[in-house]
Amino acid sequence: MGLVNKLKNKLHLKILKKIPTHKQLIHFYNAIKANTEKLKVLLLIKAQKTIID
């Protein structure tokens, strides 16, 4: 019984280490938001160029 619990705890710790922290999630979200903004700008520029051409 003790061994099974030890293994469960080890697995649980491994999983916990893989879950991103709140700070990492915010950072990730901000990075995605920034990239989305960049994409919007690029698409707008591309659209304008297409209209001009």
C-alpha atoms as a PDB file:
ATOM      1  CA  MET A   1       0.000   0.000   0.000  1.00  0.00           C
ATOM      2  CA  GLY A   2       2.802   2.399   0.947  1.00  0.00           C
ATOM      3  CA  LEU A   3       4.625   1.793  -2.334  1.00  0.00           C
ATOM      4  CA  VAL A   4       1.529   2.568  -4.408  1.00  0.00           C
ATOM      5  CA  ASN A   5       1.048   5.841  -2.555  1.00  0.00           C
ATOM      6  CA  LYS A   6       4.713   6.761  -3.078  1.00  0.00           C
ATOM      7  CA  LEU A   7       4.368   6.162  -6.810  1.00  0.00           C
ATOM      8  CA  LYS A   8       1.154   8.174  -6.928  1.00  0.00           C
ATOM      9  CA  ASN A   9       2.844  11.074  -5.146  1.00  0.00           C
ATOM     10  CA  LYS A  10       5.818  10.941  -7.528  1.00  0.00           C
ATOM     11  CA  LEU A  11       3.497  11.014 -10.545  1.00  0.00           C
ATOM     12  CA  HIS A  12       1.520  13.848  -9.011  1.00  0.00           C
ATOM     13  CA  LEU A  13       4.681  15.921  -8.517  1.00  0.00           C
ATOM     14  CA  LYS A  14       5.797  15.260 -12.089  1.00  0.00           C
ATOM     15  CA  ILE A  15       2.411  16.388 -13.402  1.00  0.00           C
ATOM     16  CA  LEU A  16       2.443  19.474 -11.176  1.00  0.00           C
ATOM     17  CA  LYS A  17       5.877  20.460 -12.502  1.00  0.00           C
ATOM     18  CA  LYS A  18       4.542  20.267 -16.058  1.00  0.00           C
ATOM     19  CA  ILE A  19       1.522  22.481 -15.363  1.00  0.00           C
ATOM     20  CA  PRO A  20       2.486  26.087 -16.176  1.00  0.00           C
ATOM     21  CA  THR A  21       2.350  28.577 -13.344  1.00  0.00           C
ATOM     22  CA  HIS A  22      -0.034  31.527 -13.357  1.00  0.00           C
ATOM     23  CA  LYS A  23       2.818  33.867 -14.340  1.00  0.00           C
ATOM     24  CA  GLN A  24       3.800  31.628 -17.260  1.00  0.00           C
ATOM     25  CA  LEU A  25       0.188  31.511 -18.436  1.00  0.00           C
ATOM     26  CA  ILE A  26      -0.093  35.306 -18.349  1.00  0.00           C
ATOM     27  CA  HIS A  27       3.218  35.612 -20.222  1.00  0.00           C
ATOM     28  CA  PHE A  28       2.035  33.072 -22.790  1.00  0.00           C
ATOM     29  CA  TYR A  29      -1.306  34.872 -23.186  1.00  0.00           C
ATOM     30  CA  ASN A  30       0.414  38.229 -23.666  1.00  0.00           C
ATOM     31  CA  ALA A  31       2.779  36.719 -26.244  1.00  0.00           C
ATOM     32  CA  ILE A  32      -0.161  35.318 -28.204  1.00  0.00           C
ATOM     33  CA  LYS A  33      -1.972  38.655 -27.959  1.00  0.00           C
ATOM     34  CA  ALA A  34       1.101  40.520 -29.233  1.00  0.00           C
ATOM     35  CA  ASN A  35       1.511  38.074 -32.121  1.00  0.00           C
ATOM     36  CA  THR A  36      -2.168  38.407 -32.994  1.00  0.00           C
ATOM     37  CA  GLU A  37      -1.772  42.184 -33.146  1.00  0.00           C
ATOM     38  CA  LYS A  38       1.286  41.803 -35.400  1.00  0.00           C
ATOM     39  CA  LEU A  39      -0.651  39.463 -37.678  1.00  0.00           C
ATOM     40  CA  LYS A  40      -3.546  41.922 -37.910  1.00  0.00           C
ATOM     41  CA  VAL A  41      -1.152  44.691 -38.913  1.00  0.00           C
ATOM     42  CA  LEU A  42       0.562  42.464 -41.485  1.00  0.00           C
ATOM     43  CA  LEU A  43      -2.798  41.430 -42.931  1.00  0.00           C
ATOM     44  CA  LEU A  44      -3.900  45.070 -43.131  1.00  0.00           C
ATOM     45  CA  ILE A  45      -0.680  46.031 -44.933  1.00  0.00           C
ATOM     46  CA  LYS A  46      -1.080  43.083 -47.289  1.00  0.00           C
ATOM     47  CA  ALA A  47      -4.707  44.006 -47.965  1.00  0.00           C
ATOM     48  CA  GLN A  48      -3.748  47.617 -48.716  1.00  0.00           C
ATOM     49  CA  LYS A  49      -0.942  46.511 -51.047  1.00  0.00           C
ATOM     50  CA  THR A  50      -3.350  44.216 -52.866  1.00  0.00           C
ATOM     51  CA  ILE A  51      -5.809  47.097 -53.329  1.00  0.00           C
ATOM     52  CA  ILE A  52      -3.037  49.402 -54.584  1.00  0.00           C
ATOM     53  CA  ASP A  53      -1.613  46.817 -57.032  1.00  0.00           C
END
